[in-house]
Amino acid sequence: MIDFRSDTFTKPNDHMLQAMMAASVGDDVFGEDPTVNELEKYAASLFGKEAGLFCPSGTMTNQIAIRVHTQIGDEVICEKNAHVYKYEGGGIASNSLCSVKLLEGERGILHPDQLPGAFNNPKDPHFPLSRLVCLENTSNFGGGSIYPKENLIGFREKTLEMNLSLHLDGARVFNALEEANYTSQEMGEWFDSISICLSKGLGAPVGSVLVGDQGFIDKARRVRKSLGGGMRQAGYLAAAGLYALVHNRSRLKEDHAAMREIAEVLKPLDWIEQVEYPETNILFFTTKGPAQNLVDELAKHHIQALAVAKNRIRMVGHLDIAPYDYQVTKSLLPKLEISF
């Protein structure tokens, strides 16, 4: 199967597996796993942060960050389709006992000018205290869209003015950085905390790293323990993350280019309603009939895609799709006879 359902389906290659098997390990709950310590230090250094915390998932790193940044009854501000709100099991409510204010972005991207209108008067007890802004870069359901530099600078300026914390869900932050006109060091200056996922396009099997200043990470480590996220000889997994960060970042552009080529192939087809331009590796398009019909037809040709709505499909490029697989897909799409 050529699996376009998600970049979470990647598997370690032989070199990554060798790095995992060669890892030096210890008990990470005691802070004694040298490979975990190396991963946390390296990930933090990429963003100019003081410390990092290795966790099993991006959901955990996001939810830990929200809990550390907030107090019971506070309000979190995010885009209406943000992963932290929509796809993390109601964690903001169950873990942090906070409410959420949802804003509508353009392809998942918010503008800093939206923030003043979302900010609650801290002197009015009728409303929760606005405490934290969460941005997602790239935006998953925005079709892998990237935050412009001026937006991020604007959010940093306004959150400082309003005494708000700023967290980044960086599930695909390195996809963004490969295309954006800013650096990871700049992002580290703009955000108080950043969640970095290792198990999507970077190819590691498990894990995310939360980075921030030392005091923030000390608190985050305590929250991780209470959530059951403390791992023991986790260096075997951390070694995969280290390999991914060192070797697999620059090749993300190949996925972006390949998905743009697929988008161009789709545009003129008579069963296509609309194709959303893929800024990175995520391609959304709408069909003139039930999306599942197309998904089923593709499966007959050993290609997997994901119907995310009645007429909407998502396809995601990643390092386990070889150049030949992309070519096979582009050649097949115009030949399909779809019945709606």
C-alpha atoms as a PDB file:
ATOM      1  CA  MET A   1       0.000   0.000   0.000  1.00  0.00           C
ATOM      2  CA  ILE A   2       1.004   3.594  -0.701  1.00  0.00           C
ATOM      3  CA  ASP A   3      -0.330   5.181   2.468  1.00  0.00           C
ATOM      4  CA  PHE A   4      -1.298   8.857   2.232  1.00  0.00           C
ATOM      5  CA  ARG A   5      -3.642   8.786   5.257  1.00  0.00           C
ATOM      6  CA  SER A   6      -1.142  10.495   7.574  1.00  0.00           C
ATOM      7  CA  ASP A   7       2.545  11.100   8.163  1.00  0.00           C
ATOM      8  CA  THR A   8       2.076   9.245  11.472  1.00  0.00           C
ATOM      9  CA  PHE A   9       2.390   5.957   9.561  1.00  0.00           C
ATOM     10  CA  THR A  10       6.146   6.313   9.081  1.00  0.00           C
ATOM     11  CA  LYS A  11       8.386   3.529  10.377  1.00  0.00           C
ATOM     12  CA  PRO A  12      12.051   3.602  11.427  1.00  0.00           C
ATOM     13  CA  ASN A  13      14.512   2.844   8.653  1.00  0.00           C
ATOM     14  CA  ASP A  14      17.509   0.566   9.164  1.00  0.00           C
ATOM     15  CA  HIS A  15      19.821   3.410  10.228  1.00  0.00           C
ATOM     16  CA  MET A  16      17.332   4.635  12.820  1.00  0.00           C
ATOM     17  CA  LEU A  17      16.851   1.098  14.141  1.00  0.00           C
ATOM     18  CA  GLN A  18      20.615   0.709  14.491  1.00  0.00           C
ATOM     19  CA  ALA A  19      20.796   3.959  16.447  1.00  0.00           C
ATOM     20  CA  MET A  20      18.011   2.727  18.724  1.00  0.00           C
ATOM     21  CA  MET A  21      19.691  -0.591  19.411  1.00  0.00           C
ATOM     22  CA  ALA A  22      23.026   1.117  20.139  1.00  0.00           C
ATOM     23  CA  ALA A  23      21.549   3.621  22.611  1.00  0.00           C
ATOM     24  CA  SER A  24      22.924   4.028  26.103  1.00  0.00           C
ATOM     25  CA  VAL A  25      20.044   3.931  28.572  1.00  0.00           C
ATOM     26  CA  GLY A  26      19.227   4.514  32.217  1.00  0.00           C
ATOM     27  CA  ASP A  27      16.192   5.345  34.324  1.00  0.00           C
ATOM     28  CA  ASP A  28      14.755   8.577  32.947  1.00  0.00           C
ATOM     29  CA  VAL A  29      12.414   9.114  35.901  1.00  0.00           C
ATOM     30  CA  PHE A  30      15.620   9.456  37.943  1.00  0.00           C
ATOM     31  CA  GLY A  31      17.041  11.691  35.192  1.00  0.00           C
ATOM     32  CA  GLU A  32      19.688   9.071  34.442  1.00  0.00           C
ATOM     33  CA  ASP A  33      18.998   8.087  30.839  1.00  0.00           C
ATOM     34  CA  PRO A  34      21.876   9.697  28.893  1.00  0.00           C
ATOM     35  CA  THR A  35      20.189   9.428  25.490  1.00  0.00           C
ATOM     36  CA  VAL A  36      16.970  11.051  26.727  1.00  0.00           C
ATOM     37  CA  ASN A  37      19.048  13.807  28.309  1.00  0.00           C
ATOM     38  CA  GLU A  38      20.905  14.322  25.029  1.00  0.00           C
ATOM     39  CA  LEU A  39      17.667  14.494  23.034  1.00  0.00           C
ATOM     40  CA  GLU A  40      16.095  17.002  25.419  1.00  0.00           C
ATOM     41  CA  LYS A  41      19.190  19.196  25.365  1.00  0.00           C
ATOM     42  CA  TYR A  42      19.535  19.059  21.588  1.00  0.00           C
ATOM     43  CA  ALA A  43      15.854  19.772  20.893  1.00  0.00           C
ATOM     44  CA  ALA A  44      15.900  22.726  23.293  1.00  0.00           C
ATOM     45  CA  SER A  45      19.071  24.114  21.692  1.00  0.00           C
ATOM     46  CA  LEU A  46      17.453  24.126  18.241  1.00  0.00           C
ATOM     47  CA  PHE A  47      14.992  26.726  19.551  1.00  0.00           C
ATOM     48  CA  GLY A  48      17.335  28.544  21.913  1.00  0.00           C
ATOM     49  CA  LYS A  49      15.499  27.209  24.963  1.00  0.00           C
ATOM     50  CA  GLU A  50      17.049  26.185  28.273  1.00  0.00           C
ATOM     51  CA  ALA A  51      15.537  22.716  28.655  1.00  0.00           C
ATOM     52  CA  GLY A  52      13.337  20.036  27.164  1.00  0.00           C
ATOM     53  CA  LEU A  53      11.068  17.212  28.295  1.00  0.00           C
ATOM     54  CA  PHE A  54      10.647  13.961  26.344  1.00  0.00           C
ATOM     55  CA  CYS A  55       7.081  12.621  26.329  1.00  0.00           C
ATOM     56  CA  PRO A  56       5.245   9.762  24.606  1.00  0.00           C
ATOM     57  CA  SER A  57       3.082  12.013  22.430  1.00  0.00           C
ATOM     58  CA  GLY A  58       2.395  15.505  21.170  1.00  0.00           C
ATOM     59  CA  THR A  59      -0.957  15.439  22.906  1.00  0.00           C
ATOM     60  CA  MET A  60       0.860  14.989  26.207  1.00  0.00           C
ATOM     61  CA  THR A  61       3.377  17.776  25.550  1.00  0.00           C
ATOM     62  CA  ASN A  62       0.576  20.152  24.551  1.00  0.00           C
ATOM     63  CA  GLN A  63      -1.589  19.276  27.524  1.00  0.00           C
ATOM     64  CA  ILE A  64       1.302  19.543  29.958  1.00  0.00           C
ATOM     65  CA  ALA A  65       2.138  22.983  28.589  1.00  0.00           C
ATOM     66  CA  ILE A  66      -1.454  24.160  28.955  1.00  0.00           C
ATOM     67  CA  ARG A  67      -1.602  22.900  32.526  1.00  0.00           C
ATOM     68  CA  VAL A  68       1.644  24.620  33.499  1.00  0.00           C
ATOM     69  CA  HIS A  69       0.681  27.920  31.876  1.00  0.00           C
ATOM     70  CA  THR A  70      -2.808  28.102  33.413  1.00  0.00           C
ATOM     71  CA  GLN A  71      -4.730  27.927  36.657  1.00  0.00           C
ATOM     72  CA  ILE A  72      -8.145  26.401  37.296  1.00  0.00           C
ATOM     73  CA  GLY A  73     -10.881  28.440  35.628  1.00  0.00           C
ATOM     74  CA  ASP A  74      -8.627  30.283  33.189  1.00  0.00           C
ATOM     75  CA  GLU A  75      -9.334  30.567  29.480  1.00  0.00           C
ATOM     76  CA  VAL A  76      -7.252  29.325  26.552  1.00  0.00           C
ATOM     77  CA  ILE A  77      -7.479  31.112  23.194  1.00  0.00           C
ATOM     78  CA  CYS A  78      -6.974  29.087  19.996  1.00  0.00           C
ATOM     79  CA  GLU A  79      -8.232  28.551  16.453  1.00  0.00           C
ATOM     80  CA  LYS A  80     -11.532  26.667  16.142  1.00  0.00           C
ATOM     81  CA  ASN A  81      -9.935  23.600  14.507  1.00  0.00           C
ATOM     82  CA  ALA A  82      -6.805  23.608  16.662  1.00  0.00           C
ATOM     83  CA  HIS A  83      -5.549  20.153  17.554  1.00  0.00           C
ATOM     84  CA  VAL A  84      -5.204  21.096  21.242  1.00  0.00           C
ATOM     85  CA  TYR A  85      -8.958  21.746  21.348  1.00  0.00           C
ATOM     86  CA  LYS A  86     -10.510  19.400  18.807  1.00  0.00           C
ATOM     87  CA  TYR A  87      -8.382  16.270  18.794  1.00  0.00           C
ATOM     88  CA  GLU A  88      -6.898  15.835  22.264  1.00  0.00           C
ATOM     89  CA  GLY A  89      -9.808  14.178  24.030  1.00  0.00           C
ATOM     90  CA  GLY A  90     -11.094  17.273  25.793  1.00  0.00           C
ATOM     91  CA  GLY A  91      -7.807  17.506  27.655  1.00  0.00           C
ATOM     92  CA  ILE A  92      -8.005  21.258  28.261  1.00  0.00           C
ATOM     93  CA  ALA A  93     -11.149  20.667  30.328  1.00  0.00           C
ATOM     94  CA  SER A  94     -10.206  17.387  31.990  1.00  0.00           C
ATOM     95  CA  ASN A  95      -6.534  18.097  32.708  1.00  0.00           C
ATOM     96  CA  SER A  96      -6.441  21.850  33.308  1.00  0.00           C
ATOM     97  CA  LEU A  97     -10.082  22.683  34.185  1.00  0.00           C
ATOM     98  CA  CYS A  98      -9.978  25.608  31.752  1.00  0.00           C
ATOM     99  CA  SER A  99     -12.460  26.985  29.254  1.00  0.00           C
ATOM    100  CA  VAL A 100     -11.621  27.758  25.631  1.00  0.00           C
ATOM    101  CA  LYS A 101     -12.298  30.727  23.381  1.00  0.00           C
ATOM    102  CA  LEU A 102     -12.312  29.706  19.728  1.00  0.00           C
ATOM    103  CA  LEU A 103     -11.354  32.062  16.919  1.00  0.00           C
ATOM    104  CA  GLU A 104     -11.851  31.530  13.205  1.00  0.00           C
ATOM    105  CA  GLY A 105      -8.683  31.636  11.177  1.00  0.00           C
ATOM    106  CA  GLU A 106      -7.936  31.637   7.468  1.00  0.00           C
ATOM    107  CA  ARG A 107      -6.949  28.070   6.678  1.00  0.00           C
ATOM    108  CA  GLY A 108      -6.252  27.650  10.396  1.00  0.00           C
ATOM    109  CA  ILE A 109      -4.052  30.750  10.623  1.00  0.00           C
ATOM    110  CA  LEU A 110      -4.987  33.442  13.152  1.00  0.00           C
ATOM    111  CA  HIS A 111      -4.040  37.124  12.945  1.00  0.00           C
ATOM    112  CA  PRO A 112      -2.790  39.013  16.011  1.00  0.00           C
ATOM    113  CA  ASP A 113      -5.436  41.696  15.441  1.00  0.00           C
ATOM    114  CA  GLN A 114      -8.008  39.088  16.533  1.00  0.00           C
ATOM    115  CA  LEU A 115      -6.499  38.879  19.993  1.00  0.00           C
ATOM    116  CA  PRO A 116      -7.778  42.118  21.597  1.00  0.00           C
ATOM    117  CA  GLY A 117     -11.385  41.179  20.837  1.00  0.00           C
ATOM    118  CA  ALA A 118     -10.878  37.749  22.395  1.00  0.00           C
ATOM    119  CA  PHE A 119      -9.270  39.088  25.562  1.00  0.00           C
ATOM    120  CA  ASN A 120     -11.518  39.139  28.645  1.00  0.00           C
ATOM    121  CA  ASN A 121     -11.503  42.116  30.996  1.00  0.00           C
ATOM    122  CA  PRO A 122      -9.544  40.793  34.003  1.00  0.00           C
ATOM    123  CA  LYS A 123     -11.499  43.079  36.349  1.00  0.00           C
ATOM    124  CA  ASP A 124     -14.870  41.594  35.355  1.00  0.00           C
ATOM    125  CA  PRO A 125     -15.589  38.450  37.445  1.00  0.00           C
ATOM    126  CA  HIS A 126     -18.265  37.305  34.984  1.00  0.00           C
ATOM    127  CA  PHE A 127     -15.560  36.084  32.617  1.00  0.00           C
ATOM    128  CA  PRO A 128     -12.652  33.682  32.969  1.00  0.00           C
ATOM    129  CA  LEU A 129      -9.169  35.134  32.983  1.00  0.00           C
ATOM    130  CA  SER A 130      -7.566  35.033  29.544  1.00  0.00           C
ATOM    131  CA  ARG A 131      -4.272  33.291  30.261  1.00  0.00           C
ATOM    132  CA  LEU A 132      -2.840  31.450  27.258  1.00  0.00           C
ATOM    133  CA  VAL A 133      -2.770  31.604  23.461  1.00  0.00           C
ATOM    134  CA  CYS A 134      -2.075  28.378  21.547  1.00  0.00           C
ATOM    135  CA  LEU A 135      -1.025  28.493  17.888  1.00  0.00           C
ATOM    136  CA  GLU A 136      -0.489  25.523  15.561  1.00  0.00           C
ATOM    137  CA  ASN A 137       2.280  25.685  12.945  1.00  0.00           C
ATOM    138  CA  THR A 138       1.747  24.123  10.501  1.00  0.00           C
ATOM    139  CA  SER A 139      -2.035  24.018  10.816  1.00  0.00           C
ATOM    140  CA  ASN A 140      -3.222  20.466  10.246  1.00  0.00           C
ATOM    141  CA  PHE A 141      -6.778  21.219   9.166  1.00  0.00           C
ATOM    142  CA  GLY A 142      -5.623  24.379   7.469  1.00  0.00           C
ATOM    143  CA  GLY A 143      -3.968  22.048   4.970  1.00  0.00           C
ATOM    144  CA  GLY A 144      -0.428  22.307   6.312  1.00  0.00           C
ATOM    145  CA  SER A 145      -0.597  26.101   6.222  1.00  0.00           C
ATOM    146  CA  ILE A 146       2.296  28.147   7.625  1.00  0.00           C
ATOM    147  CA  TYR A 147       2.155  31.142   9.949  1.00  0.00           C
ATOM    148  CA  PRO A 148       3.629  34.262   8.331  1.00  0.00           C
ATOM    149  CA  LYS A 149       6.527  35.831  10.189  1.00  0.00           C
ATOM    150  CA  GLU A 150       4.647  39.075  10.799  1.00  0.00           C
ATOM    151  CA  ASN A 151       1.786  37.172  12.471  1.00  0.00           C
ATOM    152  CA  LEU A 152       4.122  35.453  14.894  1.00  0.00           C
ATOM    153  CA  ILE A 153       5.925  38.683  15.756  1.00  0.00           C
ATOM    154  CA  GLY A 154       2.546  40.346  16.257  1.00  0.00           C
ATOM    155  CA  PHE A 155       1.342  37.603  18.595  1.00  0.00           C
ATOM    156  CA  ARG A 156       4.508  37.882  20.659  1.00  0.00           C
ATOM    157  CA  GLU A 157       4.085  41.642  21.004  1.00  0.00           C
ATOM    158  CA  LYS A 158       0.391  41.475  21.892  1.00  0.00           C
ATOM    159  CA  THR A 159       0.692  38.584  24.342  1.00  0.00           C
ATOM    160  CA  LEU A 160       3.434  40.450  26.196  1.00  0.00           C
ATOM    161  CA  GLU A 161       1.236  43.560  26.333  1.00  0.00           C
ATOM    162  CA  MET A 162      -1.712  41.541  27.658  1.00  0.00           C
ATOM    163  CA  ASN A 163       0.314  39.394  30.060  1.00  0.00           C
ATOM    164  CA  LEU A 164      -0.609  36.224  28.172  1.00  0.00           C
ATOM    165  CA  SER A 165       1.560  33.152  27.675  1.00  0.00           C
ATOM    166  CA  LEU A 166       2.127  31.878  24.128  1.00  0.00           C
ATOM    167  CA  HIS A 167       2.430  28.171  23.332  1.00  0.00           C
ATOM    168  CA  LEU A 168       3.176  26.550  19.984  1.00  0.00           C
ATOM    169  CA  ASP A 169       1.758  23.201  18.955  1.00  0.00           C
ATOM    170  CA  GLY A 170       4.639  22.382  16.653  1.00  0.00           C
ATOM    171  CA  ALA A 171       3.451  18.948  15.534  1.00  0.00           C
ATOM    172  CA  ARG A 172       4.869  19.781  12.106  1.00  0.00           C
ATOM    173  CA  VAL A 173       7.031  22.756  13.020  1.00  0.00           C
ATOM    174  CA  PHE A 174       9.967  21.551  10.930  1.00  0.00           C
ATOM    175  CA  ASN A 175       7.739  21.338   7.851  1.00  0.00           C
ATOM    176  CA  ALA A 176       6.957  25.001   8.485  1.00  0.00           C
ATOM    177  CA  LEU A 177      10.594  25.925   9.028  1.00  0.00           C
ATOM    178  CA  GLU A 178      11.673  24.334   5.742  1.00  0.00           C
ATOM    179  CA  GLU A 179       9.432  26.790   3.863  1.00  0.00           C
ATOM    180  CA  ALA A 180       9.206  29.862   6.124  1.00  0.00           C
ATOM    181  CA  ASN A 181      11.403  32.964   6.185  1.00  0.00           C
ATOM    182  CA  TYR A 182      12.240  32.568   9.880  1.00  0.00           C
ATOM    183  CA  THR A 183      14.403  30.246  11.950  1.00  0.00           C
ATOM    184  CA  SER A 184      13.873  27.905  14.867  1.00  0.00           C
ATOM    185  CA  GLN A 185      15.877  30.286  17.044  1.00  0.00           C
ATOM    186  CA  GLU A 186      13.467  33.098  16.210  1.00  0.00           C
ATOM    187  CA  MET A 187      10.520  30.862  17.038  1.00  0.00           C
ATOM    188  CA  GLY A 188      12.108  30.148  20.383  1.00  0.00           C
ATOM    189  CA  GLU A 189      12.183  33.888  21.061  1.00  0.00           C
ATOM    190  CA  TRP A 190       8.527  34.335  20.127  1.00  0.00           C
ATOM    191  CA  PHE A 191       7.025  31.433  22.104  1.00  0.00           C
ATOM    192  CA  ASP A 192       7.135  30.657  25.817  1.00  0.00           C
ATOM    193  CA  SER A 193       6.890  26.938  25.101  1.00  0.00           C
ATOM    194  CA  ILE A 194       7.004  24.722  22.019  1.00  0.00           C
ATOM    195  CA  SER A 195       5.849  21.157  21.459  1.00  0.00           C
ATOM    196  CA  ILE A 196       7.986  19.306  18.899  1.00  0.00           C
ATOM    197  CA  CYS A 197       6.658  16.063  17.394  1.00  0.00           C
ATOM    198  CA  LEU A 198       9.178  13.436  16.292  1.00  0.00           C
ATOM    199  CA  SER A 199       6.819  10.739  15.003  1.00  0.00           C
ATOM    200  CA  LYS A 200       5.317  12.324  11.886  1.00  0.00           C
ATOM    201  CA  GLY A 201       7.353  13.352   8.842  1.00  0.00           C
ATOM    202  CA  LEU A 202      10.586  13.049  10.810  1.00  0.00           C
ATOM    203  CA  GLY A 203      10.028   9.301  10.985  1.00  0.00           C
ATOM    204  CA  ALA A 204      10.562   8.389  14.644  1.00  0.00           C
ATOM    205  CA  PRO A 205       8.180   5.715  15.980  1.00  0.00           C
ATOM    206  CA  VAL A 206       7.188   7.526  19.176  1.00  0.00           C
ATOM    207  CA  GLY A 207       7.606  10.770  21.024  1.00  0.00           C
ATOM    208  CA  SER A 208       7.513  14.526  21.309  1.00  0.00           C
ATOM    209  CA  VAL A 209       9.663  17.035  23.159  1.00  0.00           C
ATOM    210  CA  LEU A 210       8.367  20.046  25.066  1.00  0.00           C
ATOM    211  CA  VAL A 211      10.883  22.904  25.283  1.00  0.00           C
ATOM    212  CA  GLY A 212      10.937  26.058  27.389  1.00  0.00           C
ATOM    213  CA  ASP A 213      12.925  27.758  30.119  1.00  0.00           C
ATOM    214  CA  GLN A 214      14.254  25.682  32.993  1.00  0.00           C
ATOM    215  CA  GLY A 215      11.621  26.714  35.521  1.00  0.00           C
ATOM    216  CA  PHE A 216       8.819  25.876  33.080  1.00  0.00           C
ATOM    217  CA  ILE A 217      10.283  22.440  32.299  1.00  0.00           C
ATOM    218  CA  ASP A 218      10.759  21.669  36.014  1.00  0.00           C
ATOM    219  CA  LYS A 219       7.024  22.204  36.510  1.00  0.00           C
ATOM    220  CA  ALA A 220       6.254  20.294  33.316  1.00  0.00           C
ATOM    221  CA  ARG A 221       8.240  17.283  34.549  1.00  0.00           C
ATOM    222  CA  ARG A 222       6.080  17.131  37.669  1.00  0.00           C
ATOM    223  CA  VAL A 223       2.904  17.273  35.552  1.00  0.00           C
ATOM    224  CA  ARG A 224       4.236  14.557  33.248  1.00  0.00           C
ATOM    225  CA  LYS A 225       4.690  12.300  36.260  1.00  0.00           C
ATOM    226  CA  SER A 226       1.143  12.905  37.466  1.00  0.00           C
ATOM    227  CA  LEU A 227      -0.208  12.057  33.998  1.00  0.00           C
ATOM    228  CA  GLY A 228       1.697   8.777  33.916  1.00  0.00           C
ATOM    229  CA  GLY A 229       4.180   9.962  31.328  1.00  0.00           C
ATOM    230  CA  GLY A 230       7.350   9.097  33.207  1.00  0.00           C
ATOM    231  CA  MET A 231       9.285   6.448  31.274  1.00  0.00           C
ATOM    232  CA  ARG A 232      12.222   4.348  32.413  1.00  0.00           C
ATOM    233  CA  GLN A 233      14.787   3.160  29.837  1.00  0.00           C
ATOM    234  CA  ALA A 234      13.346   5.499  27.242  1.00  0.00           C
ATOM    235  CA  GLY A 235      16.702   6.086  25.562  1.00  0.00           C
ATOM    236  CA  TYR A 236      15.878   3.494  22.925  1.00  0.00           C
ATOM    237  CA  LEU A 237      13.027   5.737  21.795  1.00  0.00           C
ATOM    238  CA  ALA A 238      14.969   8.942  22.344  1.00  0.00           C
ATOM    239  CA  ALA A 239      17.713   7.648  20.033  1.00  0.00           C
ATOM    240  CA  ALA A 240      15.158   7.457  17.236  1.00  0.00           C
ATOM    241  CA  GLY A 241      14.154  11.050  17.942  1.00  0.00           C
ATOM    242  CA  LEU A 242      17.760  12.207  17.870  1.00  0.00           C
ATOM    243  CA  TYR A 243      18.349  10.453  14.569  1.00  0.00           C
ATOM    244  CA  ALA A 244      15.204  12.039  13.148  1.00  0.00           C
ATOM    245  CA  LEU A 245      16.192  15.564  14.203  1.00  0.00           C
ATOM    246  CA  VAL A 246      19.718  15.225  12.828  1.00  0.00           C
ATOM    247  CA  HIS A 247      19.011  13.397   9.548  1.00  0.00           C
ATOM    248  CA  ASN A 248      15.390  13.879   8.472  1.00  0.00           C
ATOM    249  CA  ARG A 249      14.599  17.592   8.681  1.00  0.00           C
ATOM    250  CA  SER A 250      16.027  18.831   5.394  1.00  0.00           C
ATOM    251  CA  ARG A 251      14.321  16.144   3.308  1.00  0.00           C
ATOM    252  CA  LEU A 252      10.835  17.352   4.321  1.00  0.00           C
ATOM    253  CA  LYS A 253      10.896  19.675   1.292  1.00  0.00           C
ATOM    254  CA  GLU A 254      10.740  16.600  -0.941  1.00  0.00           C
ATOM    255  CA  ASP A 255       7.330  15.724   0.517  1.00  0.00           C
ATOM    256  CA  HIS A 256       6.111  19.290   0.014  1.00  0.00           C
ATOM    257  CA  ALA A 257       7.140  19.331  -3.641  1.00  0.00           C
ATOM    258  CA  ALA A 258       5.590  15.922  -4.298  1.00  0.00           C
ATOM    259  CA  MET A 259       2.227  16.903  -2.797  1.00  0.00           C
ATOM    260  CA  ARG A 260       2.150  20.087  -4.884  1.00  0.00           C
ATOM    261  CA  GLU A 261       2.653  17.963  -7.989  1.00  0.00           C
ATOM    262  CA  ILE A 262      -0.255  15.732  -6.983  1.00  0.00           C
ATOM    263  CA  ALA A 263      -2.388  18.836  -6.420  1.00  0.00           C
ATOM    264  CA  GLU A 264      -1.655  19.984  -9.988  1.00  0.00           C
ATOM    265  CA  VAL A 265      -2.661  16.573 -11.335  1.00  0.00           C
ATOM    266  CA  LEU A 266      -5.963  16.708  -9.430  1.00  0.00           C
ATOM    267  CA  LYS A 267      -7.036  20.231 -10.438  1.00  0.00           C
ATOM    268  CA  PRO A 268      -8.327  19.526 -13.990  1.00  0.00           C
ATOM    269  CA  LEU A 269     -10.087  16.226 -13.196  1.00  0.00           C
ATOM    270  CA  ASP A 270     -13.842  16.364 -13.767  1.00  0.00           C
ATOM    271  CA  TRP A 271     -14.727  14.708 -10.443  1.00  0.00           C
ATOM    272  CA  ILE A 272     -12.828  17.341  -8.436  1.00  0.00           C
ATOM    273  CA  GLU A 273     -14.672  20.301  -6.905  1.00  0.00           C
ATOM    274  CA  GLN A 274     -11.707  22.170  -5.385  1.00  0.00           C
ATOM    275  CA  VAL A 275      -8.045  21.596  -4.577  1.00  0.00           C
ATOM    276  CA  GLU A 276      -6.445  23.510  -1.703  1.00  0.00           C
ATOM    277  CA  TYR A 277      -2.852  24.496  -2.450  1.00  0.00           C
ATOM    278  CA  PRO A 278      -0.506  22.521  -0.168  1.00  0.00           C
ATOM    279  CA  GLU A 279       2.029  24.850   1.454  1.00  0.00           C
ATOM    280  CA  THR A 280       3.753  21.826   2.982  1.00  0.00           C
ATOM    281  CA  ASN A 281       2.972  18.078   3.005  1.00  0.00           C
ATOM    282  CA  ILE A 282      -0.808  18.116   3.643  1.00  0.00           C
ATOM    283  CA  LEU A 283      -3.206  18.185   0.706  1.00  0.00           C
ATOM    284  CA  PHE A 284      -6.959  18.681   1.084  1.00  0.00           C
ATOM    285  CA  PHE A 285      -9.386  18.534  -1.794  1.00  0.00           C
ATOM    286  CA  THR A 286     -13.145  18.247  -2.248  1.00  0.00           C
ATOM    287  CA  THR A 287     -14.945  15.916  -4.610  1.00  0.00           C
ATOM    288  CA  LYS A 288     -18.215  16.386  -6.509  1.00  0.00           C
ATOM    289  CA  GLY A 289     -19.629  13.270  -4.883  1.00  0.00           C
ATOM    290  CA  PRO A 290     -19.046  11.142  -1.750  1.00  0.00           C
ATOM    291  CA  ALA A 291     -15.373  11.210  -0.845  1.00  0.00           C
ATOM    292  CA  GLN A 292     -15.517   7.623   0.360  1.00  0.00           C
ATOM    293  CA  ASN A 293     -16.223   6.461  -3.182  1.00  0.00           C
ATOM    294  CA  LEU A 294     -12.862   7.827  -4.278  1.00  0.00           C
ATOM    295  CA  VAL A 295     -11.121   6.407  -1.203  1.00  0.00           C
ATOM    296  CA  ASP A 296     -12.544   2.950  -2.000  1.00  0.00           C
ATOM    297  CA  GLU A 297     -11.481   3.203  -5.646  1.00  0.00           C
ATOM    298  CA  LEU A 298      -7.945   4.235  -4.691  1.00  0.00           C
ATOM    299  CA  ALA A 299      -7.729   1.290  -2.294  1.00  0.00           C
ATOM    300  CA  LYS A 300      -8.350  -1.078  -5.214  1.00  0.00           C
ATOM    301  CA  HIS A 301      -5.107   0.291  -6.664  1.00  0.00           C
ATOM    302  CA  HIS A 302      -3.214  -0.066  -3.367  1.00  0.00           C
ATOM    303  CA  ILE A 303      -3.346   3.636  -2.486  1.00  0.00           C
ATOM    304  CA  GLN A 304      -4.790   4.792   0.840  1.00  0.00           C
ATOM    305  CA  ALA A 305      -6.283   8.235   1.455  1.00  0.00           C
ATOM    306  CA  LEU A 306      -8.523   9.594   4.208  1.00  0.00           C
ATOM    307  CA  ALA A 307     -12.082  10.897   3.869  1.00  0.00           C
ATOM    308  CA  VAL A 308     -12.364  13.582   6.573  1.00  0.00           C
ATOM    309  CA  ALA A 309     -15.844  14.805   5.598  1.00  0.00           C
ATOM    310  CA  LYS A 310     -18.615  13.822   3.189  1.00  0.00           C
ATOM    311  CA  ASN A 311     -16.854  15.410   0.205  1.00  0.00           C
ATOM    312  CA  ARG A 312     -13.371  16.161   1.568  1.00  0.00           C
ATOM    313  CA  ILE A 313     -10.204  14.083   1.389  1.00  0.00           C
ATOM    314  CA  ARG A 314      -6.818  14.478   3.031  1.00  0.00           C
ATOM    315  CA  MET A 315      -3.573  13.129   1.617  1.00  0.00           C
ATOM    316  CA  VAL A 316      -0.276  13.558   3.462  1.00  0.00           C
ATOM    317  CA  GLY A 317       3.224  13.087   2.100  1.00  0.00           C
ATOM    318  CA  HIS A 318       5.982  11.562   4.214  1.00  0.00           C
ATOM    319  CA  LEU A 319       9.343   9.837   4.030  1.00  0.00           C
ATOM    320  CA  ASP A 320       7.858   6.327   3.668  1.00  0.00           C
ATOM    321  CA  ILE A 321       6.392   7.278   0.298  1.00  0.00           C
ATOM    322  CA  ALA A 322       9.162   6.770  -2.225  1.00  0.00           C
ATOM    323  CA  PRO A 323       9.601   8.925  -5.359  1.00  0.00           C
ATOM    324  CA  TYR A 324       8.348   5.986  -7.431  1.00  0.00           C
ATOM    325  CA  ASP A 325       5.182   5.795  -5.285  1.00  0.00           C
ATOM    326  CA  TYR A 326       4.475   9.465  -5.886  1.00  0.00           C
ATOM    327  CA  GLN A 327       4.908   8.897  -9.616  1.00  0.00           C
ATOM    328  CA  VAL A 328       2.565   5.902  -9.585  1.00  0.00           C
ATOM    329  CA  THR A 329      -0.058   8.012  -7.816  1.00  0.00           C
ATOM    330  CA  LYS A 330       0.233  10.905 -10.273  1.00  0.00           C
ATOM    331  CA  SER A 331      -0.051   8.531 -13.220  1.00  0.00           C
ATOM    332  CA  LEU A 332      -3.087   6.735 -11.808  1.00  0.00           C
ATOM    333  CA  LEU A 333      -5.299   9.671 -10.781  1.00  0.00           C
ATOM    334  CA  PRO A 334      -6.259  10.866 -14.307  1.00  0.00           C
ATOM    335  CA  LYS A 335      -7.140   7.293 -15.301  1.00  0.00           C
ATOM    336  CA  LEU A 336      -9.661   6.717 -12.528  1.00  0.00           C
ATOM    337  CA  GLU A 337     -13.328   6.414 -13.440  1.00  0.00           C
ATOM    338  CA  ILE A 338     -15.180   7.578 -10.367  1.00  0.00           C
ATOM    339  CA  SER A 339     -18.898   6.936  -9.977  1.00  0.00           C
ATOM    340  CA  PHE A 340     -20.742   9.346  -7.670  1.00  0.00           C
END
